Amino acid sequence: MAYKALYRQFRPRRFADLKGQDMIARVLKNQIMAGEPAHAYLFSGPCGRGKSTHTRLWQSAFGEAASVFNDDKPALRFLPDGTLRVFGTPWCGKDGINKNEKWPLAGICFLKKAEQNRIRRLEAAEALPLLLGQTTYRLYPEKMELLLGLVDRLLREVPVYELENLPTEDAARLSFETMRPR
């Protein structure tokens, strides 16, 4: 008999079978009923801030509803119809995750280790240096004007947060509940 991982044997097949995941089941059902796509959430910060840990916490808290498609350098692009999408790229981090997918961006969250979980929305002036610190502007100084225009539009259209957190599933739930579109 072929080996089958336990999570594949026992995972729920229907929303009604989900236990203890009422919030995520409700959100997913509402999105499906409304024909809305799922959303991407970017977690950022310098090395050692817990980006990979926080991503794993989302996967633990939300199961297969949380899919990681790039674990280091996603690309952001405003499409001709004016929508902003996040794209997976071939440049991946230590976990080697780089799927060729695109998703609408619901929020950007800069992580900060702390003694308690707390999240707040950043003003544009606070978010700007954090965003610039995560771009490739140093490689292409001649493109700075173009980059600043894109970052300005990004800051007007996408909420940016700072999550002070402990490495717990509660932090994952807090970031999701705060950043998800209503």
Protein backbone atom coordinates (compact mmCIF):
# COMPACT_ATOMS: atom_id res chain seq x y z
CA MET A 1 0.00 0.00 0.00
CA ALA A 2 1.35 3.45 -0.95
CA TYR A 3 2.24 5.83 1.86
CA LYS A 4 -0.15 8.73 2.31
CA ALA A 5 0.68 11.60 4.65
CA LEU A 6 -1.64 11.87 7.65
CA TYR A 7 -2.71 15.42 6.78
CA ARG A 8 -3.86 14.17 3.37
CA GLN A 9 -5.82 11.31 4.95
CA PHE A 10 -7.59 13.38 7.56
CA ARG A 11 -7.89 16.90 6.15
CA PRO A 12 -11.42 18.23 5.69
CA ARG A 13 -12.91 17.94 2.22
CA ARG A 14 -15.83 20.34 2.80
CA PHE A 15 -16.27 23.60 4.72
CA ALA A 16 -18.72 21.81 7.03
CA ASP A 17 -15.90 19.45 8.09
CA LEU A 18 -13.62 22.25 9.33
CA LYS A 19 -13.26 22.30 13.09
CA GLY A 20 -12.02 25.39 14.95
CA GLN A 21 -11.52 27.39 11.72
CA ASP A 22 -14.84 29.23 11.59
CA MET A 23 -13.26 32.58 10.72
CA ILE A 24 -11.24 31.38 7.74
CA ALA A 25 -14.07 29.15 6.50
CA ARG A 26 -16.47 32.13 6.60
CA VAL A 27 -14.03 34.37 4.72
CA LEU A 28 -13.33 31.74 2.05
CA LYS A 29 -17.02 30.93 1.58
CA ASN A 30 -17.88 34.61 1.24
CA GLN A 31 -15.11 35.13 -1.32
CA ILE A 32 -16.21 32.13 -3.35
CA MET A 33 -19.88 33.19 -3.25
CA ALA A 34 -18.98 36.75 -4.29
CA GLY A 35 -16.58 35.57 -6.99
CA GLU A 36 -13.73 37.46 -5.34
CA PRO A 37 -10.17 36.24 -5.66
CA ALA A 38 -7.99 35.39 -2.72
CA HIS A 39 -5.49 38.06 -1.72
CA ALA A 40 -1.76 38.26 -1.19
CA TYR A 41 -0.15 39.62 1.94
CA LEU A 42 3.51 40.58 1.90
CA PHE A 43 5.62 40.24 5.03
CA SER A 44 8.86 42.16 4.99
CA GLY A 45 11.75 43.27 7.12
CA PRO A 46 15.48 42.77 7.53
CA CYS A 47 17.04 39.33 7.98
CA GLY A 48 16.14 37.70 11.26
CA ARG A 49 12.80 39.44 11.76
CA GLY A 50 10.79 36.23 11.44
CA LYS A 51 9.37 36.42 7.93
CA SER A 52 9.70 32.68 7.30
CA THR A 53 8.47 31.91 10.81
CA HIS A 54 5.41 34.16 10.37
CA THR A 55 4.65 32.55 7.01
CA ARG A 56 4.78 29.09 8.62
CA LEU A 57 2.48 30.36 11.39
CA TRP A 58 -0.06 31.43 8.74
CA GLN A 59 0.14 27.98 7.20
CA SER A 60 -0.31 26.38 10.63
CA ALA A 61 -3.20 28.65 11.60
CA PHE A 62 -5.07 28.57 8.27
CA GLY A 63 -3.97 25.29 6.67
CA GLU A 64 -4.22 25.09 2.91
CA ALA A 65 -6.10 28.39 2.78
CA ALA A 66 -2.68 30.05 3.25
CA SER A 67 -0.51 29.37 0.24
CA VAL A 68 3.01 30.74 -0.07
CA PHE A 69 4.02 31.53 -3.64
CA ASN A 70 7.31 33.39 -3.10
CA ASP A 71 9.41 33.49 0.03
CA ASP A 72 11.86 36.26 -0.80
CA LYS A 73 11.58 38.60 -3.78
CA PRO A 74 8.08 38.87 -5.27
CA ALA A 75 7.41 41.41 -7.98
CA LEU A 76 4.69 44.07 -7.80
CA ARG A 77 3.06 45.41 -10.95
CA PHE A 78 0.23 47.73 -11.80
CA LEU A 79 -1.58 46.10 -14.72
CA PRO A 80 -3.04 48.07 -17.67
CA ASP A 81 -6.51 47.86 -16.09
CA GLY A 82 -5.11 49.69 -13.03
CA THR A 83 -5.11 46.74 -10.64
CA LEU A 84 -2.05 45.88 -8.58
CA ARG A 85 -0.81 42.31 -8.59
CA VAL A 86 1.95 40.45 -6.76
CA PHE A 87 3.88 37.94 -8.85
CA GLY A 88 6.02 35.05 -7.75
CA THR A 89 9.54 35.28 -9.17
CA PRO A 90 12.44 32.85 -9.65
CA TRP A 91 14.30 34.59 -6.79
CA CYS A 92 13.44 32.65 -3.70
CA GLY A 93 14.73 32.58 -0.16
CA LYS A 94 16.04 29.84 2.08
CA ASP A 95 12.85 27.77 1.80
CA GLY A 96 13.03 27.68 -2.01
CA ILE A 97 9.43 28.73 -2.69
CA ASN A 98 8.86 30.44 -6.03
CA LYS A 99 5.58 29.60 -7.75
CA ASN A 100 4.55 31.27 -10.99
CA GLU A 101 1.37 32.85 -9.63
CA LYS A 102 -0.17 36.29 -9.32
CA TRP A 103 -2.56 37.65 -6.71
CA PRO A 104 -4.18 40.97 -5.79
CA LEU A 105 -2.28 42.64 -2.95
CA ALA A 106 -4.31 43.29 0.22
CA GLY A 107 -1.54 44.58 2.47
CA ILE A 108 2.14 44.85 3.31
CA CYS A 109 3.32 44.11 6.81
CA PHE A 110 6.73 44.90 8.28
CA LEU A 111 7.61 42.56 11.11
CA LYS A 112 9.19 43.51 14.39
CA LYS A 113 9.93 41.15 17.28
CA ALA A 114 8.22 42.13 20.52
CA GLU A 115 6.96 40.88 23.86
CA GLN A 116 3.32 41.04 22.77
CA ASN A 117 1.29 40.96 19.55
CA ARG A 118 0.26 44.38 18.30
CA ILE A 119 -0.39 45.69 14.80
CA ARG A 120 -0.84 49.23 13.52
CA ARG A 121 -1.29 50.85 10.15
CA LEU A 122 1.66 53.02 9.13
CA GLU A 123 1.42 56.50 7.72
CA ALA A 124 2.98 56.94 4.27
CA ALA A 125 5.95 58.85 5.73
CA GLU A 126 6.68 55.92 8.08
CA ALA A 127 6.22 53.27 5.39
CA LEU A 128 8.29 54.96 2.65
CA PRO A 129 11.78 54.28 4.08
CA LEU A 130 10.77 50.72 4.96
CA LEU A 131 9.54 50.06 1.43
CA LEU A 132 12.58 51.66 -0.21
CA GLY A 133 14.83 49.51 1.97
CA GLN A 134 13.28 46.42 0.39
CA THR A 135 13.64 47.47 -3.27
CA THR A 136 16.49 47.29 -5.76
CA TYR A 137 16.80 51.06 -6.15
CA ARG A 138 20.51 50.96 -5.29
CA LEU A 139 21.15 48.82 -8.37
CA TYR A 140 19.47 51.25 -10.76
CA PRO A 141 19.82 54.84 -9.49
CA GLU A 142 18.76 56.19 -12.90
CA LYS A 143 15.32 54.61 -12.34
CA MET A 144 14.70 56.36 -9.00
CA GLU A 145 12.05 58.74 -10.39
CA LEU A 146 10.08 55.82 -11.83
CA LEU A 147 10.42 53.88 -8.57
CA LEU A 148 9.26 56.82 -6.45
CA GLY A 149 6.18 57.23 -8.65
CA LEU A 150 5.31 53.55 -8.23
CA VAL A 151 5.93 53.62 -4.47
CA ASP A 152 3.78 56.75 -4.15
CA ARG A 153 0.91 55.00 -5.93
CA LEU A 154 1.46 51.85 -3.88
CA LEU A 155 1.25 53.83 -0.64
CA ARG A 156 -2.00 55.46 -1.78
CA GLU A 157 -3.63 52.15 -2.74
CA VAL A 158 -2.28 49.50 -0.37
CA PRO A 159 -2.28 49.65 3.42
CA VAL A 160 1.10 49.14 5.08
CA TYR A 161 1.34 47.83 8.63
CA GLU A 162 3.87 47.17 11.34
CA LEU A 163 3.33 43.97 13.30
CA GLU A 164 5.10 43.75 16.62
CA ASN A 165 4.84 40.07 17.40
CA LEU A 166 5.68 36.92 19.21
CA PRO A 167 6.12 33.80 17.05
CA THR A 168 2.58 32.50 17.71
CA GLU A 169 -0.48 31.61 15.68
CA ASP A 170 -2.25 34.45 17.49
CA ALA A 171 0.08 36.86 15.66
CA ALA A 172 -0.87 35.25 12.33
CA ARG A 173 -4.58 35.58 13.11
CA LEU A 174 -4.14 39.19 14.24
CA SER A 175 -2.32 40.14 11.02
CA PHE A 176 -4.94 38.40 8.87
CA GLU A 177 -7.91 39.93 10.70
CA THR A 178 -6.37 43.40 10.49
CA MET A 179 -5.18 43.32 6.87
CA ARG A 180 -7.95 41.41 5.11
CA PRO A 181 -10.20 43.46 2.84
CA ARG A 182 -13.66 44.08 4.24
